Amino acid sequence: MSLTTYLSIVRLRATAKLQAFAATEPVRLRAALTSLALGVALAFPALNAGTAETIGALGAVALPILVGESTRTKVTPAK
């Protein structure tokens, strides 16, 4: 098995696990992504204010949209 084939298999398995995790635990996924973004912000404090503001705005808008609706449907009582 070549290295590229092995890496492709690993990538596909990681993608499948991430999709399953996102479907079953959207709140934990949001927390993990937020922690990752904050970790990157701490690791690279030399970002200028404009870039940091853009990253913050994207995180504030994109994360709730990505996982908010599925989270809302899971916690809303069934009719």
Protein backbone atom coordinates (compact mmCIF):
# COMPACT_ATOMS: atom_id res chain seq x y z
CA MET A 1 0.00 0.00 0.00
CA SER A 2 1.43 3.35 -0.98
CA LEU A 3 1.64 6.32 1.35
CA THR A 4 -0.91 8.34 -0.64
CA THR A 5 -3.43 5.48 -0.48
CA TYR A 6 -2.91 5.14 3.26
CA LEU A 7 -3.32 8.89 3.82
CA SER A 8 -6.45 8.88 1.68
CA ILE A 9 -7.96 6.08 3.78
CA VAL A 10 -7.08 7.91 7.00
CA ARG A 11 -8.64 11.12 5.66
CA LEU A 12 -11.85 9.33 4.67
CA ARG A 13 -12.13 7.63 8.05
CA ALA A 14 -11.55 10.92 9.88
CA THR A 15 -14.16 12.64 7.73
CA ALA A 16 -16.72 9.91 8.41
CA LYS A 17 -16.06 10.06 12.16
CA LEU A 18 -16.32 13.86 12.15
CA GLN A 19 -19.64 13.72 10.28
CA ALA A 20 -21.01 11.16 12.72
CA PHE A 21 -19.81 13.28 15.64
CA ALA A 22 -21.41 16.41 14.14
CA ALA A 23 -24.70 14.58 13.68
CA THR A 24 -24.82 13.16 17.19
CA GLU A 25 -23.07 15.85 19.26
CA PRO A 26 -23.50 19.28 17.60
CA VAL A 27 -23.03 21.20 20.86
CA ARG A 28 -19.73 19.47 21.60
CA LEU A 29 -18.61 20.09 18.01
CA ARG A 30 -19.34 23.79 18.39
CA ALA A 31 -17.40 23.84 21.65
CA ALA A 32 -14.46 22.01 20.04
CA LEU A 33 -14.40 24.40 17.07
CA THR A 34 -14.60 27.42 19.36
CA SER A 35 -11.75 26.05 21.47
CA LEU A 36 -9.72 25.44 18.33
CA ALA A 37 -10.31 29.01 17.15
CA LEU A 38 -9.33 30.41 20.55
CA GLY A 39 -6.23 28.20 20.60
CA VAL A 40 -5.18 29.50 17.20
CA ALA A 41 -5.77 33.06 18.39
CA LEU A 42 -3.50 32.43 21.37
CA ALA A 43 -0.85 30.74 19.25
CA PHE A 44 -0.75 33.59 16.74
CA PRO A 45 -1.27 36.81 18.72
CA ALA A 46 0.44 38.88 16.04
CA LEU A 47 -2.74 39.06 13.94
CA ASN A 48 -3.75 42.62 13.28
CA ALA A 49 -7.09 43.86 14.56
CA GLY A 50 -8.83 43.66 11.18
CA THR A 51 -7.93 40.01 10.67
CA ALA A 52 -8.88 39.08 14.21
CA GLU A 53 -12.20 40.87 13.84
CA THR A 54 -12.93 39.04 10.58
CA ILE A 55 -12.12 35.66 12.14
CA GLY A 56 -14.31 36.47 15.14
CA ALA A 57 -17.21 37.56 12.94
CA LEU A 58 -16.96 34.41 10.83
CA GLY A 59 -16.94 32.26 13.95
CA ALA A 60 -19.87 34.11 15.49
CA VAL A 61 -21.94 33.74 12.33
CA ALA A 62 -20.83 30.42 10.88
CA LEU A 63 -20.80 28.18 13.96
CA PRO A 64 -24.41 28.78 15.01
CA ILE A 65 -25.57 28.39 11.43
CA LEU A 66 -23.64 25.15 10.96
CA VAL A 67 -24.84 23.39 14.08
CA GLY A 68 -27.50 25.62 15.62
CA GLU A 69 -30.52 24.36 13.71
CA SER A 70 -29.82 20.70 14.35
CA THR A 71 -29.21 21.50 18.02
CA ARG A 72 -32.47 23.41 18.24
CA THR A 73 -34.45 20.52 16.79
CA LYS A 74 -32.87 18.10 19.25
CA VAL A 75 -33.79 20.14 22.33
CA THR A 76 -37.24 21.28 21.17
CA PRO A 77 -39.96 19.06 22.61
CA ALA A 78 -41.83 16.90 20.11
CA LYS A 79 -45.35 18.04 19.33
